[in-house]
Amino acid sequence: MGDNSWNGYEHNCFFANTGDGQFMDVARPTGSDGIKDSRGVGIADFNGDGRLDMIINNNNETPFLYLNNLAKSGNAIVLKLVGTRSNHDAIGAYVRLTAGGKTMTRQVEAGSGYASEAWLPLHFGLGSAERIDSIEITWPSGLVQRIEGAELNALIGVNRLVHIEEGGELNEMATAHFISRTSAAAAERYSMR
């Protein structure tokens, strides 16, 4: 097995997409390179500010919670899908979102690996894009739902959590703004470093 270790006590890695098909390890500069016996990771917006945070489970130890406190993080949208013909949590649904000339794909998953989990709402980082061109949802029932054009941006916008019901119409009640920032006290309470 060469230089590989099976005991788990190694520095954690955290890979960032560089945007050109490559990834780089940013664990050390972000302070997420803990050296416990880490076993799983959960990704969610734990503090409600619209940015994804990370919790790492450590075997027989306290987990690491890393809040995303980057000052410059760009725009985002979070889609919470609700199945009516499909299962209620829309597990298995595929979403293709186009904004700023880029198309991104996400899938609602029930799990994402050993001792790991993903947040059921789908987070799309939009960078500097301030409008969404289209959203296409392929529901587990087979229904394909397309939302595009002026109606989309008038009702949704960016930096929002949006609830979309399978086959339903969008309305203003389906959206809510993110909390812009957590207080310093709340960030301190959740911070592990």
C-alpha atoms as a PDB file:
ATOM      1  CA  MET A   1       0.000   0.000   0.000  1.00  0.00           C
ATOM      2  CA  GLY A   2       3.033   2.228  -0.146  1.00  0.00           C
ATOM      3  CA  ASP A   3       2.666   5.622   1.518  1.00  0.00           C
ATOM      4  CA  ASN A   4      -1.110   5.297   2.028  1.00  0.00           C
ATOM      5  CA  SER A   5      -2.401   5.396   5.600  1.00  0.00           C
ATOM      6  CA  TRP A   6      -5.531   3.611   6.757  1.00  0.00           C
ATOM      7  CA  ASN A   7      -5.661   5.136  10.251  1.00  0.00           C
ATOM      8  CA  GLY A   8      -7.426   8.325   9.099  1.00  0.00           C
ATOM      9  CA  TYR A   9      -5.199  10.765  11.008  1.00  0.00           C
ATOM     10  CA  GLU A  10      -4.128  12.827   8.020  1.00  0.00           C
ATOM     11  CA  HIS A  11      -4.700  16.454   7.043  1.00  0.00           C
ATOM     12  CA  ASN A  12      -8.102  16.918   5.416  1.00  0.00           C
ATOM     13  CA  CYS A  13      -8.198  18.091   1.808  1.00  0.00           C
ATOM     14  CA  PHE A  14     -10.667  20.619   0.426  1.00  0.00           C
ATOM     15  CA  PHE A  15     -10.734  20.975  -3.350  1.00  0.00           C
ATOM     16  CA  ALA A  16     -11.901  24.122  -5.163  1.00  0.00           C
ATOM     17  CA  ASN A  17     -12.872  24.240  -8.831  1.00  0.00           C
ATOM     18  CA  THR A  18     -10.530  26.643 -10.635  1.00  0.00           C
ATOM     19  CA  GLY A  19     -13.031  27.078 -13.490  1.00  0.00           C
ATOM     20  CA  ASP A  20     -10.856  25.524 -16.179  1.00  0.00           C
ATOM     21  CA  GLY A  21     -11.532  21.842 -15.518  1.00  0.00           C
ATOM     22  CA  GLN A  22      -8.921  21.684 -12.760  1.00  0.00           C
ATOM     23  CA  PHE A  23      -9.151  21.535  -8.971  1.00  0.00           C
ATOM     24  CA  MET A  24      -6.760  22.743  -6.297  1.00  0.00           C
ATOM     25  CA  ASP A  25      -6.487  21.886  -2.610  1.00  0.00           C
ATOM     26  CA  VAL A  26      -7.422  24.969  -0.567  1.00  0.00           C
ATOM     27  CA  ALA A  27      -7.626  23.255   2.837  1.00  0.00           C
ATOM     28  CA  ARG A  28      -4.602  24.953   4.371  1.00  0.00           C
ATOM     29  CA  PRO A  29      -5.388  28.558   3.283  1.00  0.00           C
ATOM     30  CA  THR A  30      -9.032  28.166   4.387  1.00  0.00           C
ATOM     31  CA  GLY A  31      -8.102  26.611   7.718  1.00  0.00           C
ATOM     32  CA  SER A  32     -10.023  23.407   6.988  1.00  0.00           C
ATOM     33  CA  ASP A  33      -7.024  21.063   7.043  1.00  0.00           C
ATOM     34  CA  GLY A  34      -7.781  19.520  10.456  1.00  0.00           C
ATOM     35  CA  ILE A  35      -5.927  16.353  11.401  1.00  0.00           C
ATOM     36  CA  LYS A  36      -8.509  14.203  13.165  1.00  0.00           C
ATOM     37  CA  ASP A  37      -9.841  10.804  12.133  1.00  0.00           C
ATOM     38  CA  SER A  38     -12.380  12.427   9.772  1.00  0.00           C
ATOM     39  CA  ARG A  39     -15.053  10.158   8.297  1.00  0.00           C
ATOM     40  CA  GLY A  40     -17.741  12.205   6.568  1.00  0.00           C
ATOM     41  CA  VAL A  41     -18.821  15.663   5.490  1.00  0.00           C
ATOM     42  CA  GLY A  42     -22.104  17.555   5.392  1.00  0.00           C
ATOM     43  CA  ILE A  43     -22.681  20.595   3.190  1.00  0.00           C
ATOM     44  CA  ALA A  44     -25.480  23.082   3.985  1.00  0.00           C
ATOM     45  CA  ASP A  45     -26.164  26.736   4.724  1.00  0.00           C
ATOM     46  CA  PHE A  46     -25.971  26.309   8.509  1.00  0.00           C
ATOM     47  CA  ASN A  47     -26.260  30.023   9.364  1.00  0.00           C
ATOM     48  CA  GLY A  48     -28.817  31.121   6.734  1.00  0.00           C
ATOM     49  CA  ASP A  49     -26.626  33.625   4.866  1.00  0.00           C
ATOM     50  CA  GLY A  50     -26.915  31.987   1.430  1.00  0.00           C
ATOM     51  CA  ARG A  51     -23.377  30.598   1.406  1.00  0.00           C
ATOM     52  CA  LEU A  52     -22.594  26.908   1.776  1.00  0.00           C
ATOM     53  CA  ASP A  53     -20.902  25.846   4.997  1.00  0.00           C
ATOM     54  CA  MET A  54     -19.297  22.523   5.873  1.00  0.00           C
ATOM     55  CA  ILE A  55     -19.308  20.172   8.840  1.00  0.00           C
ATOM     56  CA  ILE A  56     -16.820  17.306   9.061  1.00  0.00           C
ATOM     57  CA  ASN A  57     -17.591  14.329  11.274  1.00  0.00           C
ATOM     58  CA  ASN A  58     -14.627  12.943  13.201  1.00  0.00           C
ATOM     59  CA  ASN A  59     -14.566   9.373  14.517  1.00  0.00           C
ATOM     60  CA  ASN A  60     -15.206   9.442  18.305  1.00  0.00           C
ATOM     61  CA  GLU A  61     -14.380  13.185  18.374  1.00  0.00           C
ATOM     62  CA  THR A  62     -16.111  16.563  18.150  1.00  0.00           C
ATOM     63  CA  PRO A  63     -16.975  17.494  14.551  1.00  0.00           C
ATOM     64  CA  PHE A  64     -15.420  20.477  12.763  1.00  0.00           C
ATOM     65  CA  LEU A  65     -17.884  23.178  11.643  1.00  0.00           C
ATOM     66  CA  TYR A  66     -16.570  25.578   9.006  1.00  0.00           C
ATOM     67  CA  LEU A  67     -18.713  28.609   8.254  1.00  0.00           C
ATOM     68  CA  ASN A  68     -18.202  30.242   4.874  1.00  0.00           C
ATOM     69  CA  ASN A  69     -17.300  33.793   5.865  1.00  0.00           C
ATOM     70  CA  LEU A  70     -15.730  34.858   2.574  1.00  0.00           C
ATOM     71  CA  ALA A  71     -16.380  38.551   2.032  1.00  0.00           C
ATOM     72  CA  LYS A  72     -16.508  38.208  -1.745  1.00  0.00           C
ATOM     73  CA  SER A  73     -18.702  35.288  -2.696  1.00  0.00           C
ATOM     74  CA  GLY A  74     -20.906  36.449  -5.587  1.00  0.00           C
ATOM     75  CA  ASN A  75     -24.605  35.841  -6.140  1.00  0.00           C
ATOM     76  CA  ALA A  76     -26.462  32.598  -5.576  1.00  0.00           C
ATOM     77  CA  ILE A  77     -29.877  30.987  -5.716  1.00  0.00           C
ATOM     78  CA  VAL A  78     -31.166  28.023  -3.735  1.00  0.00           C
ATOM     79  CA  LEU A  79     -33.996  25.874  -5.099  1.00  0.00           C
ATOM     80  CA  LYS A  80     -36.129  23.782  -2.739  1.00  0.00           C
ATOM     81  CA  LEU A  81     -38.087  21.322  -4.874  1.00  0.00           C
ATOM     82  CA  VAL A  82     -41.364  19.853  -3.637  1.00  0.00           C
ATOM     83  CA  GLY A  83     -42.699  16.787  -5.418  1.00  0.00           C
ATOM     84  CA  THR A  84     -46.427  16.259  -5.941  1.00  0.00           C
ATOM     85  CA  ARG A  85     -46.455  13.382  -8.440  1.00  0.00           C
ATOM     86  CA  SER A  86     -42.908  12.398  -7.473  1.00  0.00           C
ATOM     87  CA  ASN A  87     -41.699  11.799  -3.923  1.00  0.00           C
ATOM     88  CA  HIS A  88     -42.238  14.839  -1.667  1.00  0.00           C
ATOM     89  CA  ASP A  89     -38.516  15.653  -1.282  1.00  0.00           C
ATOM     90  CA  ALA A  90     -37.974  15.365  -5.070  1.00  0.00           C
ATOM     91  CA  ILE A  91     -35.082  12.949  -4.537  1.00  0.00           C
ATOM     92  CA  GLY A  92     -33.736  12.040  -7.965  1.00  0.00           C
ATOM     93  CA  ALA A  93     -34.770  15.302  -9.649  1.00  0.00           C
ATOM     94  CA  TYR A  94     -32.251  16.920 -12.029  1.00  0.00           C
ATOM     95  CA  VAL A  95     -32.041  20.700 -12.418  1.00  0.00           C
ATOM     96  CA  ARG A  96     -30.264  22.568 -15.200  1.00  0.00           C
ATOM     97  CA  LEU A  97     -29.918  26.276 -14.484  1.00  0.00           C
ATOM     98  CA  THR A  98     -28.481  28.744 -16.996  1.00  0.00           C
ATOM     99  CA  ALA A  99     -27.166  32.141 -15.893  1.00  0.00           C
ATOM    100  CA  GLY A 100     -24.415  34.402 -17.165  1.00  0.00           C
ATOM    101  CA  GLY A 101     -23.755  32.177 -20.189  1.00  0.00           C
ATOM    102  CA  LYS A 102     -23.088  29.064 -18.056  1.00  0.00           C
ATOM    103  CA  THR A 103     -25.303  26.047 -17.511  1.00  0.00           C
ATOM    104  CA  MET A 104     -25.010  24.179 -14.219  1.00  0.00           C
ATOM    105  CA  THR A 105     -26.572  20.840 -13.290  1.00  0.00           C
ATOM    106  CA  ARG A 106     -27.537  19.582  -9.844  1.00  0.00           C
ATOM    107  CA  GLN A 107     -29.372  16.496  -8.626  1.00  0.00           C
ATOM    108  CA  VAL A 108     -31.404  16.151  -5.424  1.00  0.00           C
ATOM    109  CA  GLU A 109     -29.703  13.291  -3.564  1.00  0.00           C
ATOM    110  CA  ALA A 110     -30.723  11.279  -0.508  1.00  0.00           C
ATOM    111  CA  GLY A 111     -27.074  10.757   0.437  1.00  0.00           C
ATOM    112  CA  SER A 112     -23.703  11.616  -0.963  1.00  0.00           C
ATOM    113  CA  GLY A 113     -21.189   9.088   0.270  1.00  0.00           C
ATOM    114  CA  TYR A 114     -20.052   7.186   3.326  1.00  0.00           C
ATOM    115  CA  ALA A 115     -21.049   9.067   6.513  1.00  0.00           C
ATOM    116  CA  SER A 116     -21.774  12.130   4.376  1.00  0.00           C
ATOM    117  CA  GLU A 117     -24.826  14.119   3.409  1.00  0.00           C
ATOM    118  CA  ALA A 118     -25.863  16.934   1.115  1.00  0.00           C
ATOM    119  CA  TRP A 119     -28.476  19.566   1.845  1.00  0.00           C
ATOM    120  CA  LEU A 120     -31.727  18.757  -0.011  1.00  0.00           C
ATOM    121  CA  PRO A 121     -32.201  22.290  -1.410  1.00  0.00           C
ATOM    122  CA  LEU A 122     -29.982  22.823  -4.469  1.00  0.00           C
ATOM    123  CA  HIS A 123     -27.458  25.670  -4.262  1.00  0.00           C
ATOM    124  CA  PHE A 124     -26.267  27.357  -7.463  1.00  0.00           C
ATOM    125  CA  GLY A 125     -23.366  29.789  -7.235  1.00  0.00           C
ATOM    126  CA  LEU A 126     -23.939  32.464  -9.885  1.00  0.00           C
ATOM    127  CA  GLY A 127     -20.794  34.554  -9.531  1.00  0.00           C
ATOM    128  CA  SER A 128     -21.444  38.043 -10.883  1.00  0.00           C
ATOM    129  CA  ALA A 129     -24.588  37.008 -12.825  1.00  0.00           C
ATOM    130  CA  GLU A 130     -27.578  39.075 -11.690  1.00  0.00           C
ATOM    131  CA  ARG A 131     -30.279  37.238 -13.614  1.00  0.00           C
ATOM    132  CA  ILE A 132     -31.203  33.683 -14.422  1.00  0.00           C
ATOM    133  CA  ASP A 133     -31.862  32.784 -18.052  1.00  0.00           C
ATOM    134  CA  SER A 134     -33.646  29.478 -17.515  1.00  0.00           C
ATOM    135  CA  ILE A 135     -34.346  26.626 -15.125  1.00  0.00           C
ATOM    136  CA  GLU A 136     -35.202  23.138 -16.363  1.00  0.00           C
ATOM    137  CA  ILE A 137     -36.301  20.501 -13.846  1.00  0.00           C
ATOM    138  CA  THR A 138     -36.610  16.827 -14.727  1.00  0.00           C
ATOM    139  CA  TRP A 139     -38.724  15.382 -11.928  1.00  0.00           C
ATOM    140  CA  PRO A 140     -38.533  11.686 -10.901  1.00  0.00           C
ATOM    141  CA  SER A 141     -42.072  11.267 -12.328  1.00  0.00           C
ATOM    142  CA  GLY A 142     -40.665  12.110 -15.794  1.00  0.00           C
ATOM    143  CA  LEU A 143     -42.294  15.559 -15.935  1.00  0.00           C
ATOM    144  CA  VAL A 144     -39.978  18.185 -17.429  1.00  0.00           C
ATOM    145  CA  GLN A 145     -40.714  21.687 -16.115  1.00  0.00           C
ATOM    146  CA  ARG A 146     -39.151  24.748 -17.801  1.00  0.00           C
ATOM    147  CA  ILE A 147     -39.131  28.237 -16.355  1.00  0.00           C
ATOM    148  CA  GLU A 148     -37.585  31.041 -18.391  1.00  0.00           C
ATOM    149  CA  GLY A 149     -37.862  34.626 -19.542  1.00  0.00           C
ATOM    150  CA  ALA A 150     -38.939  37.821 -17.852  1.00  0.00           C
ATOM    151  CA  GLU A 151     -41.393  36.032 -15.537  1.00  0.00           C
ATOM    152  CA  LEU A 152     -38.538  34.054 -14.072  1.00  0.00           C
ATOM    153  CA  ASN A 153     -36.471  37.077 -13.066  1.00  0.00           C
ATOM    154  CA  ALA A 154     -39.447  39.168 -11.986  1.00  0.00           C
ATOM    155  CA  LEU A 155     -40.457  36.528  -9.458  1.00  0.00           C
ATOM    156  CA  ILE A 156     -37.177  34.904  -8.514  1.00  0.00           C
ATOM    157  CA  GLY A 157     -34.186  37.231  -8.867  1.00  0.00           C
ATOM    158  CA  VAL A 158     -30.910  36.202  -7.254  1.00  0.00           C
ATOM    159  CA  ASN A 159     -29.790  35.675  -3.659  1.00  0.00           C
ATOM    160  CA  ARG A 160     -33.033  33.933  -2.781  1.00  0.00           C
ATOM    161  CA  LEU A 161     -34.359  30.640  -1.543  1.00  0.00           C
ATOM    162  CA  VAL A 162     -37.057  29.536  -4.005  1.00  0.00           C
ATOM    163  CA  HIS A 163     -39.652  26.795  -3.433  1.00  0.00           C
ATOM    164  CA  ILE A 164     -40.781  25.137  -6.663  1.00  0.00           C
ATOM    165  CA  GLU A 165     -43.667  22.684  -6.598  1.00  0.00           C
ATOM    166  CA  GLU A 166     -43.752  19.977  -9.250  1.00  0.00           C
ATOM    167  CA  GLY A 167     -45.889  21.223 -12.144  1.00  0.00           C
ATOM    168  CA  GLY A 168     -46.866  24.351 -10.203  1.00  0.00           C
ATOM    169  CA  GLU A 169     -46.749  28.001 -11.161  1.00  0.00           C
ATOM    170  CA  LEU A 170     -44.248  30.383  -9.617  1.00  0.00           C
ATOM    171  CA  ASN A 171     -45.533  33.150  -7.396  1.00  0.00           C
ATOM    172  CA  GLU A 172     -43.985  35.721  -5.095  1.00  0.00           C
ATOM    173  CA  MET A 173     -44.872  33.677  -2.007  1.00  0.00           C
ATOM    174  CA  ALA A 174     -42.451  31.000  -3.209  1.00  0.00           C
ATOM    175  CA  THR A 175     -39.361  33.156  -2.691  1.00  0.00           C
ATOM    176  CA  ALA A 176     -37.529  34.630   0.263  1.00  0.00           C
ATOM    177  CA  HIS A 177     -34.363  36.712   0.548  1.00  0.00           C
ATOM    178  CA  PHE A 178     -31.346  35.229   2.266  1.00  0.00           C
ATOM    179  CA  ILE A 179     -30.253  36.700   5.548  1.00  0.00           C
ATOM    180  CA  SER A 180     -27.541  39.117   4.415  1.00  0.00           C
ATOM    181  CA  ARG A 181     -25.034  38.464   7.198  1.00  0.00           C
ATOM    182  CA  THR A 182     -24.965  36.698  10.513  1.00  0.00           C
ATOM    183  CA  SER A 183     -23.988  38.729  13.530  1.00  0.00           C
ATOM    184  CA  ALA A 184     -20.428  38.491  14.816  1.00  0.00           C
ATOM    185  CA  ALA A 185     -21.780  36.840  17.978  1.00  0.00           C
ATOM    186  CA  ALA A 186     -23.597  34.144  15.985  1.00  0.00           C
ATOM    187  CA  ALA A 187     -20.536  33.504  13.819  1.00  0.00           C
ATOM    188  CA  GLU A 188     -18.387  33.202  16.954  1.00  0.00           C
ATOM    189  CA  ARG A 189     -20.865  30.780  18.510  1.00  0.00           C
ATOM    190  CA  TYR A 190     -20.659  28.455  15.484  1.00  0.00           C
ATOM    191  CA  SER A 191     -16.962  28.856  14.749  1.00  0.00           C
ATOM    192  CA  MET A 192     -14.661  25.993  15.706  1.00  0.00           C
ATOM    193  CA  ARG A 193     -11.406  27.923  15.216  1.00  0.00           C
END
